[in-house]
Every structure is written in C-alpha cells, then in structure tokens.
C-alpha cells in the first residue's frame, strides 16, 4: 500500500482509520480483527496528536505505513513528537471495580495494546515508531 502522511490533528483520524481498514481488507483480516486493529491505531494516534503535539504546542505530521506479508499485517505510525513508549504505562489495577470507582486514564492504551496480536515501539533517528501487528488467517 501507499504511505499516508497526515497532519498531527484530530481531523486526520478518519483518513487514518480508512487507511487501516483498507490495509486490513487487503490482508484478509476478518471484521473483528480489523476492528481491533483500527481501534488500537485510533487510540495511539489520538494520544500522539493530543499529548505529543497539541498539549505541547507542537505541529507536525504522522506517517502511516503498512506491510502485508504471508503471515501478518503490520501498521506503523511514525512521528517526531517527544519520545513516548505506550508499553511503559502501567496496566490499570482497578479493572474489576465499578466504572465510577476506577481511576481516569490509561484504559484506552491498555485495550489498544491488548487488542492487537503484537505491539512494539521504537525511537529511532528522533522518530517515534508505534508498530502494530495482526496475524493473517491461514490460507487453505
């Protein structure tokens, strides 16, 4: 697929979502897997925009790449905001408590990372790379 570059702005979420859905379709992911992938990418993209750019007054772009291999689909989000590894956020400790008793924050990232088959983060050449992997169904 082509590379998509969008402004780090909430208005870009729709374009990124369409890109992810198209990549998932081309990779042959089922609807549930495609939904989980889109949800994960949307959550991390939203955090890149809100906390990596808007909150600190930074403007810039996010580049979205995809690669379809025999056994997996990989989506990569790249940006030049300050380094942030979503895996370093502590897992919510209060998931068994009623919603009104839970702490605010962190659940979206937790669910995003749990919703994909594999997630990795790299900071290379002053660039954040959030890497999402979904395994493709076996072909008969």
N, C-alpha and C. Protein backbone atom coordinates (compact mmCIF):
# COMPACT_ATOMS: atom_id res chain seq x y z
N UNK A 1 0.84 -1.20 0.00
CA UNK A 1 0.00 0.00 0.00
C UNK A 1 0.87 1.25 0.00
N UNK A 2 0.25 2.34 -0.35
CA UNK A 2 0.95 3.61 -0.34
C UNK A 2 1.20 4.07 1.09
N UNK A 3 2.08 5.02 1.24
CA UNK A 3 2.36 5.63 2.54
C UNK A 3 1.41 6.81 2.68
N UNK A 4 0.83 6.96 3.87
CA UNK A 4 -0.09 8.07 4.14
C UNK A 4 0.58 9.01 5.14
N UNK A 5 0.65 10.28 4.79
CA UNK A 5 1.17 11.30 5.71
C UNK A 5 0.07 12.30 5.96
N UNK A 6 -0.24 12.52 7.24
CA UNK A 6 -1.33 13.40 7.63
C UNK A 6 -0.85 14.36 8.72
N UNK A 7 -1.50 15.51 8.83
CA UNK A 7 -1.17 16.41 9.93
C UNK A 7 -1.51 15.76 11.27
N UNK A 8 -0.72 16.06 12.28
CA UNK A 8 -0.99 15.55 13.64
C UNK A 8 -2.14 16.38 14.21
N UNK A 9 -3.33 16.06 13.74
CA UNK A 9 -4.54 16.80 14.09
C UNK A 9 -5.69 15.80 14.16
N UNK A 10 -6.62 16.03 15.07
CA UNK A 10 -7.74 15.10 15.23
C UNK A 10 -8.55 14.93 13.95
N UNK A 11 -8.53 15.92 13.08
CA UNK A 11 -9.25 15.80 11.80
C UNK A 11 -8.66 14.71 10.91
N UNK A 12 -7.46 14.25 11.21
CA UNK A 12 -6.80 13.22 10.41
C UNK A 12 -7.22 11.80 10.79
N UNK A 13 -7.90 11.65 11.92
CA UNK A 13 -8.26 10.31 12.39
C UNK A 13 -9.09 9.52 11.39
N UNK A 14 -9.99 10.19 10.69
CA UNK A 14 -10.85 9.50 9.72
C UNK A 14 -10.02 8.93 8.57
N UNK A 15 -9.07 9.72 8.06
CA UNK A 15 -8.23 9.25 6.96
C UNK A 15 -7.36 8.07 7.40
N UNK A 16 -6.83 8.15 8.60
CA UNK A 16 -6.01 7.05 9.12
C UNK A 16 -6.87 5.80 9.31
N UNK A 17 -8.08 5.99 9.84
CA UNK A 17 -8.99 4.84 10.01
C UNK A 17 -9.30 4.17 8.69
N UNK A 18 -9.57 4.95 7.66
CA UNK A 18 -9.85 4.38 6.34
C UNK A 18 -8.64 3.62 5.80
N UNK A 19 -7.47 4.17 6.01
CA UNK A 19 -6.24 3.52 5.56
C UNK A 19 -6.07 2.16 6.25
N UNK A 20 -6.29 2.12 7.55
CA UNK A 20 -6.15 0.87 8.31
C UNK A 20 -7.18 -0.16 7.87
N UNK A 21 -8.41 0.27 7.69
CA UNK A 21 -9.47 -0.66 7.25
C UNK A 21 -9.15 -1.23 5.87
N UNK A 22 -8.64 -0.38 4.97
CA UNK A 22 -8.27 -0.86 3.63
C UNK A 22 -7.12 -1.86 3.71
N UNK A 23 -6.12 -1.57 4.52
CA UNK A 23 -4.99 -2.50 4.68
C UNK A 23 -5.47 -3.82 5.26
N UNK A 24 -6.36 -3.76 6.25
CA UNK A 24 -6.89 -4.98 6.86
C UNK A 24 -7.67 -5.81 5.84
N UNK A 25 -8.43 -5.13 4.99
CA UNK A 25 -9.18 -5.82 3.95
C UNK A 25 -8.23 -6.50 2.96
N UNK A 26 -7.22 -5.76 2.52
CA UNK A 26 -6.25 -6.33 1.57
C UNK A 26 -5.50 -7.52 2.18
N UNK A 27 -5.31 -7.49 3.50
CA UNK A 27 -4.60 -8.58 4.18
C UNK A 27 -5.52 -9.76 4.47
N UNK A 28 -6.83 -9.60 4.25
CA UNK A 28 -7.77 -10.68 4.50
C UNK A 28 -8.14 -10.88 5.95
N UNK A 29 -7.97 -9.83 6.77
CA UNK A 29 -8.37 -9.95 8.18
C UNK A 29 -9.88 -10.00 8.29
N UNK A 30 -10.38 -10.75 9.25
CA UNK A 30 -11.83 -10.78 9.45
C UNK A 30 -12.27 -9.47 10.11
N UNK A 31 -13.58 -9.26 10.18
CA UNK A 31 -14.12 -7.98 10.68
C UNK A 31 -13.69 -7.68 12.11
N UNK A 32 -13.68 -8.71 12.96
CA UNK A 32 -13.30 -8.48 14.36
C UNK A 32 -11.84 -8.07 14.48
N UNK A 33 -10.97 -8.75 13.75
CA UNK A 33 -9.54 -8.41 13.79
C UNK A 33 -9.32 -7.01 13.22
N UNK A 34 -9.99 -6.68 12.13
CA UNK A 34 -9.87 -5.36 11.52
C UNK A 34 -10.35 -4.27 12.50
N UNK A 35 -11.43 -4.55 13.20
CA UNK A 35 -11.96 -3.59 14.18
C UNK A 35 -10.97 -3.38 15.32
N UNK A 36 -10.42 -4.47 15.84
CA UNK A 36 -9.45 -4.36 16.94
C UNK A 36 -8.22 -3.56 16.51
N UNK A 37 -7.77 -3.80 15.27
CA UNK A 37 -6.61 -3.07 14.76
C UNK A 37 -6.94 -1.59 14.61
N UNK A 38 -8.08 -1.30 14.01
CA UNK A 38 -8.44 0.12 13.83
C UNK A 38 -8.58 0.82 15.18
N UNK A 39 -9.20 0.16 16.14
CA UNK A 39 -9.36 0.74 17.47
C UNK A 39 -8.00 1.03 18.11
N UNK A 40 -7.07 0.08 17.98
CA UNK A 40 -5.74 0.26 18.57
C UNK A 40 -5.00 1.43 17.91
N UNK A 41 -5.02 1.47 16.58
CA UNK A 41 -4.33 2.54 15.87
C UNK A 41 -4.97 3.89 16.20
N UNK A 42 -6.30 3.92 16.27
CA UNK A 42 -7.01 5.15 16.59
C UNK A 42 -6.62 5.66 17.98
N UNK A 43 -6.53 4.78 18.94
CA UNK A 43 -6.18 5.19 20.31
C UNK A 43 -4.77 5.75 20.37
N UNK A 44 -3.82 5.06 19.78
CA UNK A 44 -2.44 5.53 19.82
C UNK A 44 -2.28 6.81 19.00
N UNK A 45 -2.94 6.89 17.86
CA UNK A 45 -2.90 8.09 17.04
C UNK A 45 -3.48 9.29 17.81
N UNK A 46 -4.58 9.07 18.50
CA UNK A 46 -5.18 10.14 19.30
C UNK A 46 -4.21 10.62 20.37
N UNK A 47 -3.51 9.70 21.01
CA UNK A 47 -2.53 10.08 22.03
C UNK A 47 -1.35 10.84 21.41
N UNK A 48 -0.90 10.41 20.23
CA UNK A 48 0.17 11.13 19.53
C UNK A 48 -0.26 12.57 19.29
N UNK A 49 -1.48 12.74 18.80
CA UNK A 49 -1.99 14.08 18.49
C UNK A 49 -2.15 14.91 19.75
N UNK A 50 -2.90 14.37 20.73
CA UNK A 50 -3.22 15.15 21.92
C UNK A 50 -2.02 15.44 22.81
N UNK A 51 -1.24 14.42 23.12
CA UNK A 51 -0.17 14.57 24.11
C UNK A 51 1.19 14.84 23.49
N UNK A 52 1.41 14.37 22.27
CA UNK A 52 2.70 14.60 21.63
C UNK A 52 2.77 15.89 20.85
N UNK A 53 1.60 16.40 20.46
CA UNK A 53 1.59 17.61 19.65
C UNK A 53 0.77 18.74 20.28
N UNK A 54 -0.54 18.59 20.32
CA UNK A 54 -1.42 19.68 20.76
C UNK A 54 -1.06 20.19 22.15
N UNK A 55 -0.93 19.29 23.11
CA UNK A 55 -0.70 19.68 24.51
C UNK A 55 0.60 20.47 24.69
N UNK A 56 1.60 20.19 23.86
CA UNK A 56 2.90 20.85 23.99
C UNK A 56 3.13 21.92 22.92
N UNK A 57 2.09 22.21 22.13
CA UNK A 57 2.19 23.26 21.12
C UNK A 57 3.04 22.90 19.91
N UNK A 58 3.17 21.60 19.64
CA UNK A 58 3.98 21.14 18.52
C UNK A 58 3.10 20.86 17.31
N UNK A 59 3.54 21.27 16.15
CA UNK A 59 2.86 20.89 14.92
C UNK A 59 3.74 19.90 14.19
N UNK A 60 3.15 19.13 13.32
CA UNK A 60 3.92 18.16 12.56
C UNK A 60 3.00 17.16 11.90
N UNK A 61 3.61 16.15 11.35
CA UNK A 61 2.86 15.12 10.63
C UNK A 61 3.04 13.77 11.29
N UNK A 62 2.13 12.88 10.94
CA UNK A 62 2.24 11.47 11.30
C UNK A 62 2.23 10.70 9.99
N UNK A 63 3.17 9.80 9.84
CA UNK A 63 3.25 8.96 8.66
C UNK A 63 2.74 7.57 9.02
N UNK A 64 1.88 7.04 8.16
CA UNK A 64 1.30 5.72 8.37
C UNK A 64 1.79 4.82 7.24
N UNK A 65 2.36 3.69 7.63
CA UNK A 65 2.87 2.72 6.66
C UNK A 65 2.22 1.37 6.94
N UNK A 66 2.14 0.56 5.91
CA UNK A 66 1.64 -0.80 6.11
C UNK A 66 2.47 -1.76 5.29
N UNK A 67 2.52 -2.99 5.77
CA UNK A 67 3.22 -4.05 5.04
C UNK A 67 2.42 -5.33 5.24
N UNK A 68 2.11 -5.98 4.12
CA UNK A 68 1.41 -7.25 4.17
C UNK A 68 2.41 -8.33 3.80
N UNK A 69 2.61 -9.25 4.73
CA UNK A 69 3.48 -10.39 4.50
C UNK A 69 2.63 -11.65 4.51
N UNK A 70 3.22 -12.77 4.21
CA UNK A 70 2.47 -14.02 4.12
C UNK A 70 1.67 -14.31 5.38
N UNK A 71 2.23 -13.99 6.53
CA UNK A 71 1.59 -14.37 7.79
C UNK A 71 1.07 -13.21 8.63
N UNK A 72 1.32 -11.96 8.20
CA UNK A 72 0.92 -10.84 9.06
C UNK A 72 0.73 -9.54 8.29
N UNK A 73 -0.02 -8.66 8.94
CA UNK A 73 -0.17 -7.27 8.50
C UNK A 73 0.48 -6.40 9.56
N UNK A 74 1.34 -5.49 9.13
CA UNK A 74 1.98 -4.56 10.05
C UNK A 74 1.58 -3.14 9.67
N UNK A 75 1.17 -2.38 10.67
CA UNK A 75 0.87 -0.95 10.51
C UNK A 75 1.86 -0.21 11.39
N UNK A 76 2.47 0.84 10.84
CA UNK A 76 3.44 1.62 11.59
C UNK A 76 3.02 3.08 11.57
N UNK A 77 2.97 3.69 12.75
CA UNK A 77 2.76 5.14 12.90
C UNK A 77 4.10 5.76 13.27
N UNK A 78 4.51 6.78 12.52
CA UNK A 78 5.77 7.46 12.79
C UNK A 78 5.51 8.95 13.01
N UNK A 79 6.13 9.50 14.04
CA UNK A 79 6.00 10.93 14.31
C UNK A 79 7.26 11.42 15.00
N UNK A 80 7.40 12.73 15.05
CA UNK A 80 8.60 13.35 15.65
C UNK A 80 8.28 14.09 16.95
N UNK A 81 7.24 13.71 17.63
CA UNK A 81 6.96 14.29 18.94
C UNK A 81 7.97 13.74 19.95
N UNK A 82 7.87 14.19 21.19
CA UNK A 82 8.80 13.68 22.21
C UNK A 82 8.62 12.17 22.34
N UNK A 83 9.67 11.46 22.71
CA UNK A 83 9.58 10.01 22.82
C UNK A 83 8.52 9.59 23.84
N UNK A 84 7.72 8.61 23.46
CA UNK A 84 6.73 8.04 24.38
C UNK A 84 6.45 6.61 23.98
N UNK A 85 6.78 5.69 24.87
CA UNK A 85 6.53 4.27 24.65
C UNK A 85 5.25 3.88 25.38
N UNK A 86 4.16 3.62 24.66
CA UNK A 86 2.89 3.28 25.32
C UNK A 86 2.97 2.05 26.23
N UNK A 87 3.93 1.18 25.98
CA UNK A 87 4.07 -0.03 26.81
C UNK A 87 4.54 0.30 28.22
N UNK A 88 5.08 1.51 28.41
CA UNK A 88 5.58 1.89 29.73
C UNK A 88 4.48 2.37 30.67
N UNK A 89 3.29 2.58 30.14
CA UNK A 89 2.17 2.96 31.02
C UNK A 89 1.81 1.76 31.87
N UNK A 90 1.58 1.98 33.14
CA UNK A 90 1.19 0.84 33.98
C UNK A 90 -0.19 0.33 33.58
N UNK A 91 -0.37 -0.98 33.70
CA UNK A 91 -1.69 -1.56 33.43
C UNK A 91 -2.67 -1.08 34.49
N UNK A 92 -3.90 -0.81 34.10
CA UNK A 92 -4.90 -0.39 35.10
C UNK A 92 -5.05 -1.49 36.15
N UNK A 93 -5.06 -1.08 37.40
CA UNK A 93 -5.15 -2.04 38.50
C UNK A 93 -6.59 -2.25 38.98
N UNK A 94 -7.49 -1.45 38.47
CA UNK A 94 -8.84 -1.46 39.01
C UNK A 94 -9.89 -1.92 38.01
N UNK A 95 -9.52 -2.82 37.10
CA UNK A 95 -10.45 -3.27 36.07
C UNK A 95 -11.65 -4.02 36.64
N UNK A 96 -11.52 -4.58 37.81
CA UNK A 96 -12.62 -5.33 38.40
C UNK A 96 -13.55 -4.45 39.23
N UNK A 97 -13.24 -3.17 39.35
CA UNK A 97 -14.07 -2.25 40.13
C UNK A 97 -15.13 -1.61 39.23
N UNK A 98 -16.22 -1.16 39.82
CA UNK A 98 -17.24 -0.46 39.03
C UNK A 98 -16.64 0.77 38.35
N UNK A 99 -17.18 1.11 37.21
CA UNK A 99 -16.65 2.21 36.41
C UNK A 99 -16.49 3.50 37.21
N UNK A 100 -17.47 3.82 38.03
CA UNK A 100 -17.41 5.08 38.77
C UNK A 100 -16.32 5.08 39.85
N UNK A 101 -15.76 3.91 40.17
CA UNK A 101 -14.70 3.83 41.17
C UNK A 101 -13.31 3.70 40.56
N UNK A 102 -13.22 3.63 39.26
CA UNK A 102 -11.93 3.46 38.60
C UNK A 102 -11.22 4.79 38.43
N UNK A 103 -9.89 4.71 38.37
CA UNK A 103 -9.08 5.89 38.06
C UNK A 103 -9.28 6.24 36.59
N UNK A 104 -9.18 7.53 36.29
CA UNK A 104 -9.33 8.00 34.92
C UNK A 104 -7.99 7.89 34.21
N UNK A 105 -8.03 7.42 32.97
CA UNK A 105 -6.83 7.38 32.15
C UNK A 105 -6.17 6.02 32.09
N UNK A 106 -5.57 5.75 30.95
CA UNK A 106 -4.79 4.54 30.78
C UNK A 106 -5.53 3.35 30.21
N UNK A 107 -6.83 3.34 30.30
CA UNK A 107 -7.59 2.18 29.84
C UNK A 107 -7.53 2.04 28.32
N UNK A 108 -7.59 3.15 27.61
CA UNK A 108 -7.57 3.10 26.15
C UNK A 108 -6.28 2.51 25.62
N UNK A 109 -5.15 2.94 26.16
CA UNK A 109 -3.86 2.39 25.73
C UNK A 109 -3.78 0.91 26.08
N UNK A 110 -4.21 0.56 27.27
CA UNK A 110 -4.21 -0.85 27.70
C UNK A 110 -5.01 -1.71 26.73
N UNK A 111 -6.22 -1.27 26.41
CA UNK A 111 -7.07 -2.04 25.49
C UNK A 111 -6.49 -2.07 24.08
N UNK A 112 -5.87 -0.97 23.66
CA UNK A 112 -5.26 -0.93 22.32
C UNK A 112 -4.15 -1.97 22.22
N UNK A 113 -3.29 -2.02 23.20
CA UNK A 113 -2.16 -2.94 23.15
C UNK A 113 -2.61 -4.39 23.28
N UNK A 114 -3.67 -4.62 24.04
CA UNK A 114 -4.20 -5.98 24.19
C UNK A 114 -5.00 -6.42 22.97
N UNK A 115 -5.47 -5.47 22.17
CA UNK A 115 -6.33 -5.79 21.03
C UNK A 115 -5.61 -6.25 19.78
N UNK A 116 -4.30 -6.02 19.73
CA UNK A 116 -3.54 -6.46 18.56
C UNK A 116 -2.73 -7.70 18.92
N UNK A 117 -2.30 -8.42 17.90
CA UNK A 117 -1.53 -9.64 18.16
C UNK A 117 -0.14 -9.33 18.70
N UNK A 118 0.44 -8.23 18.27
CA UNK A 118 1.76 -7.83 18.76
C UNK A 118 1.88 -6.32 18.62
N UNK A 119 2.51 -5.69 19.60
CA UNK A 119 2.77 -4.25 19.54
C UNK A 119 4.22 -4.02 19.93
N UNK A 120 4.86 -3.13 19.19
CA UNK A 120 6.23 -2.76 19.54
C UNK A 120 6.38 -1.25 19.37
N UNK A 121 7.35 -0.70 20.08
CA UNK A 121 7.65 0.72 19.99
C UNK A 121 9.15 0.87 19.82
N UNK A 122 9.53 1.82 18.96
CA UNK A 122 10.94 2.15 18.77
C UNK A 122 11.07 3.66 18.72
N UNK A 123 12.20 4.16 19.18
CA UNK A 123 12.55 5.56 18.97
C UNK A 123 13.88 5.55 18.22
N UNK A 124 13.81 5.89 16.92
CA UNK A 124 14.97 5.79 16.05
C UNK A 124 15.10 7.09 15.26
N UNK A 125 16.30 7.64 15.22
CA UNK A 125 16.55 8.87 14.45
C UNK A 125 15.56 9.98 14.81
N UNK A 126 15.34 10.16 16.10
CA UNK A 126 14.42 11.18 16.63
C UNK A 126 13.00 11.00 16.13
N UNK A 127 12.63 9.74 15.92
CA UNK A 127 11.28 9.44 15.44
C UNK A 127 10.67 8.32 16.28
N UNK A 128 9.41 8.56 16.71
CA UNK A 128 8.63 7.51 17.37
C UNK A 128 8.11 6.56 16.31
N UNK A 129 8.17 5.28 16.60
CA UNK A 129 7.55 4.27 15.72
C UNK A 129 6.69 3.37 16.58
N UNK A 130 5.40 3.44 16.35
CA UNK A 130 4.44 2.55 17.00
C UNK A 130 4.07 1.49 15.98
N UNK A 131 4.34 0.24 16.31
CA UNK A 131 4.23 -0.86 15.35
C UNK A 131 3.16 -1.84 15.80
N UNK A 132 2.14 -2.01 14.98
CA UNK A 132 1.01 -2.89 15.27
C UNK A 132 1.07 -4.08 14.33
N UNK A 133 0.91 -5.29 14.86
CA UNK A 133 0.94 -6.49 14.04
C UNK A 133 -0.32 -7.31 14.28
N UNK A 134 -0.95 -7.71 13.18
CA UNK A 134 -2.08 -8.64 13.23
C UNK A 134 -1.72 -9.82 12.34
N UNK A 135 -1.86 -11.03 12.88
CA UNK A 135 -1.56 -12.21 12.09
C UNK A 135 -2.69 -12.50 11.13
N UNK A 136 -2.33 -12.87 9.92
CA UNK A 136 -3.31 -13.16 8.87
C UNK A 136 -3.85 -14.57 9.02
N UNK A 137 -5.08 -14.78 8.60
CA UNK A 137 -5.61 -16.14 8.64
C UNK A 137 -4.83 -17.04 7.69
N UNK A 138 -4.71 -18.28 8.08
CA UNK A 138 -4.02 -19.25 7.22
C UNK A 138 -4.83 -19.48 5.97
N UNK A 139 -4.15 -19.52 4.85
CA UNK A 139 -4.83 -19.77 3.58
C UNK A 139 -4.94 -21.27 3.36
N UNK A 140 -6.08 -21.71 2.85
CA UNK A 140 -6.29 -23.16 2.61
C UNK A 140 -5.48 -23.63 1.44
